[in-house]
């Protein structure tokens, strides 16, 4: 799974209970998507 350095270095360490499989499942089948004005997804 492609992630940013911030996500790998900060978010994962702050939230050790979150499993990578959960993230992959949500990314593959999101309930909703919101695109920001600059093209990024919220």
C-alpha atoms as a PDB file:
ATOM      1  CA  UNK A   1       0.000   0.000   0.000  1.00  0.00           C
ATOM      2  CA  UNK A   2       1.356   3.411  -0.953  1.00  0.00           C
ATOM      3  CA  UNK A   3       1.470   5.848   1.983  1.00  0.00           C
ATOM      4  CA  UNK A   4       3.166   9.105   2.840  1.00  0.00           C
ATOM      5  CA  UNK A   5       6.205   9.279   5.104  1.00  0.00           C
ATOM      6  CA  UNK A   6       4.096  11.192   7.644  1.00  0.00           C
ATOM      7  CA  UNK A   7       1.576   8.367   7.782  1.00  0.00           C
ATOM      8  CA  UNK A   8       4.262   5.681   8.174  1.00  0.00           C
ATOM      9  CA  UNK A   9       6.370   7.603  10.686  1.00  0.00           C
ATOM     10  CA  UNK A  10       3.807   9.472  12.781  1.00  0.00           C
ATOM     11  CA  UNK A  11       0.250   8.215  12.414  1.00  0.00           C
ATOM     12  CA  UNK A  12       1.050   4.515  12.684  1.00  0.00           C
ATOM     13  CA  UNK A  13       3.150   5.082  15.800  1.00  0.00           C
ATOM     14  CA  UNK A  14       0.495   7.280  17.431  1.00  0.00           C
ATOM     15  CA  UNK A  15      -2.182   4.653  16.801  1.00  0.00           C
ATOM     16  CA  UNK A  16      -0.537   1.238  17.194  1.00  0.00           C
ATOM     17  CA  UNK A  17      -3.909  -0.519  17.503  1.00  0.00           C
ATOM     18  CA  UNK A  18      -4.836   0.220  13.883  1.00  0.00           C
ATOM     19  CA  UNK A  19      -4.038  -2.708  11.633  1.00  0.00           C
ATOM     20  CA  UNK A  20      -2.852  -2.271   8.045  1.00  0.00           C
ATOM     21  CA  UNK A  21      -5.514  -4.737   6.833  1.00  0.00           C
ATOM     22  CA  UNK A  22      -8.242  -2.413   8.144  1.00  0.00           C
ATOM     23  CA  UNK A  23      -6.805   0.511   6.212  1.00  0.00           C
ATOM     24  CA  UNK A  24      -6.534  -1.538   3.027  1.00  0.00           C
ATOM     25  CA  UNK A  25     -10.161  -2.688   3.360  1.00  0.00           C
ATOM     26  CA  UNK A  26     -11.440   0.877   3.811  1.00  0.00           C
ATOM     27  CA  UNK A  27      -9.345   2.148   0.907  1.00  0.00           C
ATOM     28  CA  UNK A  28     -10.654  -0.635  -1.344  1.00  0.00           C
ATOM     29  CA  UNK A  29     -14.318  -0.153  -0.353  1.00  0.00           C
ATOM     30  CA  UNK A  30     -14.951   3.349   1.053  1.00  0.00           C
ATOM     31  CA  UNK A  31     -18.405   4.250   2.306  1.00  0.00           C
ATOM     32  CA  UNK A  32     -18.045   7.775   0.931  1.00  0.00           C
ATOM     33  CA  UNK A  33     -15.489   9.939  -0.894  1.00  0.00           C
ATOM     34  CA  UNK A  34     -15.168  13.713  -0.724  1.00  0.00           C
ATOM     35  CA  UNK A  35     -12.839  15.526  -3.092  1.00  0.00           C
ATOM     36  CA  UNK A  36     -11.386  18.833  -1.942  1.00  0.00           C
ATOM     37  CA  UNK A  37     -11.037  21.895  -4.181  1.00  0.00           C
ATOM     38  CA  UNK A  38      -7.302  21.203  -4.598  1.00  0.00           C
ATOM     39  CA  UNK A  39      -7.977  17.670  -5.892  1.00  0.00           C
ATOM     40  CA  UNK A  40      -7.111  15.785  -2.709  1.00  0.00           C
ATOM     41  CA  UNK A  41      -9.569  13.487  -1.012  1.00  0.00           C
ATOM     42  CA  UNK A  42     -10.818  14.299   2.485  1.00  0.00           C
END
